[in-house]
Amino acid sequence: MKYMLLIWNRPGFAESLSESERTALFGEVDEIMKELTESGELVGGQALADPSQTRTVRLGGGRPEVTDGPFMESKEQFAGYLMVDCDSVERAVEIAQRWPDVRLGGALEVRPVMDEAGTEM
C-alpha cells in the first residue's frame, strides 16, 4: 500500500536552527532516505518552496480567484512530502515517527494513497 507522508512545519522552522542543527537534521533525513531507498519503500518525495512563492485558487464571487500565498488559518505550513510503499500503515507511521522535524515541533500526516479505482473512498 502506498502512503503519502505530508510534512508540516511552522514558518521559519529551518531558519530558526543553527548551522550545526540544520546539518544534523539534514543528516538524519539523508539516513532515513537512504534506508527507504535500500529497502525499496521510497517511491518519491520533495520539499516545497517557501509559502511566499505560493498562489492559491479559490472560488470568490462565483468564479475562481487567485491570491498570493496559502494564507490559511494554521500555525504550520505544508513543507513537503514523502511517498512510501509499505506493507502496513503501522510501518508508514513508524517512518513518520522517525522524521526529525517531528522531534523539533513539526508534524507528519500519514495518508493512504487511493488506487486508480478509488475504491477506498
Protein backbone atom coordinates (compact mmCIF):
# COMPACT_ATOMS: atom_id res chain seq x y z
CA MET A 1 0.00 0.00 0.00
CA LYS A 2 1.27 3.47 -0.79
CA TYR A 3 1.22 6.20 1.83
CA MET A 4 1.81 9.93 1.47
CA LEU A 5 3.68 11.36 4.46
CA LEU A 6 2.82 15.07 4.48
CA ILE A 7 5.43 17.17 6.26
CA TRP A 8 4.12 20.18 8.22
CA ASN A 9 6.35 22.76 9.91
CA ARG A 10 5.96 26.14 11.48
CA PRO A 11 7.00 29.08 9.27
CA GLY A 12 10.71 29.89 9.66
CA PHE A 13 11.43 26.44 11.09
CA ALA A 14 14.70 25.81 9.23
CA GLU A 15 15.91 29.38 9.61
CA SER A 16 15.48 29.17 13.39
CA LEU A 17 18.05 26.37 13.61
CA SER A 18 21.79 26.93 13.92
CA GLU A 19 24.01 25.76 11.09
CA SER A 20 25.08 22.71 13.09
CA GLU A 21 21.46 21.88 13.96
CA ARG A 22 20.47 22.14 10.27
CA THR A 23 23.41 19.94 9.28
CA ALA A 24 22.39 17.33 11.88
CA LEU A 25 18.73 17.49 10.80
CA PHE A 26 19.55 17.01 7.11
CA GLY A 27 21.97 14.22 8.05
CA GLU A 28 19.12 12.37 9.79
CA VAL A 29 16.88 12.92 6.78
CA ASP A 30 19.60 11.58 4.48
CA GLU A 31 19.93 8.44 6.65
CA ILE A 32 16.19 7.76 6.55
CA MET A 33 16.03 8.38 2.79
CA LYS A 34 18.97 6.00 2.21
CA GLU A 35 17.31 3.31 4.33
CA LEU A 36 13.98 3.70 2.50
CA THR A 37 15.74 3.60 -0.88
CA GLU A 38 17.65 0.46 0.05
CA SER A 39 14.51 -1.27 1.37
CA GLY A 40 12.57 -0.32 -1.77
CA GLU A 41 9.92 1.53 0.26
CA LEU A 42 10.72 5.01 -1.09
CA VAL A 43 8.53 5.97 -4.04
CA GLY A 44 9.47 9.66 -4.07
CA GLY A 45 9.28 12.95 -2.26
CA GLN A 46 10.05 16.65 -2.49
CA ALA A 47 10.47 19.68 -0.30
CA LEU A 48 8.30 22.65 -1.18
CA ALA A 49 9.37 26.25 -1.79
CA ASP A 50 8.64 28.94 0.77
CA PRO A 51 4.92 29.79 1.10
CA SER A 52 5.66 33.31 -0.15
CA GLN A 53 6.04 31.69 -3.60
CA THR A 54 2.56 30.13 -3.39
CA ARG A 55 -0.59 31.04 -5.28
CA THR A 56 -3.98 29.80 -4.08
CA VAL A 57 -7.06 29.48 -6.27
CA ARG A 58 -10.45 29.64 -4.54
CA LEU A 59 -13.98 30.36 -5.58
CA GLY A 60 -14.85 34.00 -4.91
CA GLY A 61 -17.72 36.00 -6.35
CA GLY A 62 -18.88 32.98 -8.30
CA ARG A 63 -15.59 32.46 -10.14
CA PRO A 64 -12.05 31.25 -9.39
CA GLU A 65 -9.84 33.93 -7.83
CA VAL A 66 -6.08 33.77 -7.37
CA THR A 67 -4.37 35.11 -4.25
CA ASP A 68 -0.74 35.16 -3.15
CA GLY A 69 0.32 32.65 -0.53
CA PRO A 70 -1.53 29.87 1.23
CA PHE A 71 -2.87 32.21 3.95
CA MET A 72 -4.89 29.56 5.72
CA GLU A 73 -5.52 29.76 9.42
CA SER A 74 -2.74 27.48 10.56
CA LYS A 75 0.27 27.51 12.84
CA GLU A 76 2.05 25.18 10.42
CA GLN A 77 2.73 25.14 6.71
CA PHE A 78 2.88 22.25 4.27
CA ALA A 79 6.62 21.87 3.73
CA GLY A 80 7.00 18.72 1.63
CA TYR A 81 6.11 15.10 1.30
CA LEU A 82 7.39 11.55 1.03
CA MET A 83 5.64 8.77 -0.84
CA VAL A 84 6.35 5.34 0.57
CA ASP A 85 5.16 1.88 -0.37
CA CYS A 86 4.85 -0.14 2.85
CA ASP A 87 3.29 -3.39 3.98
CA SER A 88 1.14 -1.62 6.57
CA VAL A 89 0.00 1.70 7.97
CA GLU A 90 1.97 0.83 11.10
CA ARG A 91 5.21 0.81 9.07
CA ALA A 92 4.31 4.16 7.47
CA VAL A 93 3.66 5.60 10.94
CA GLU A 94 6.98 4.17 12.16
CA ILE A 95 8.78 6.05 9.36
CA ALA A 96 6.89 9.26 10.19
CA GLN A 97 7.78 8.95 13.89
CA ARG A 98 11.49 8.86 13.00
CA TRP A 99 11.36 12.01 10.84
CA PRO A 100 13.44 14.61 12.72
CA ASP A 101 11.03 17.50 12.07
CA VAL A 102 8.52 15.81 14.40
CA ARG A 103 11.00 15.92 17.29
CA LEU A 104 11.56 19.63 16.56
CA GLY A 105 7.89 20.64 16.64
CA GLY A 106 6.67 19.71 13.16
CA ALA A 107 4.16 17.04 12.20
CA LEU A 108 3.82 14.34 9.57
CA GLU A 109 0.38 13.37 8.34
CA VAL A 110 0.17 9.75 7.12
CA ARG A 111 -2.45 9.26 4.42
CA PRO A 112 -3.15 6.22 2.27
CA VAL A 113 -2.99 6.91 -1.46
CA MET A 114 -6.05 5.72 -3.33
CA ASP A 115 -5.53 3.33 -6.17
CA GLU A 116 -6.78 4.23 -9.62
CA ALA A 117 -10.21 2.69 -8.97
CA GLY A 118 -10.69 4.93 -5.94
CA THR A 119 -12.49 2.19 -4.05
CA GLU A 120 -11.01 3.34 -0.74
CA MET A 121 -13.38 6.31 -0.53
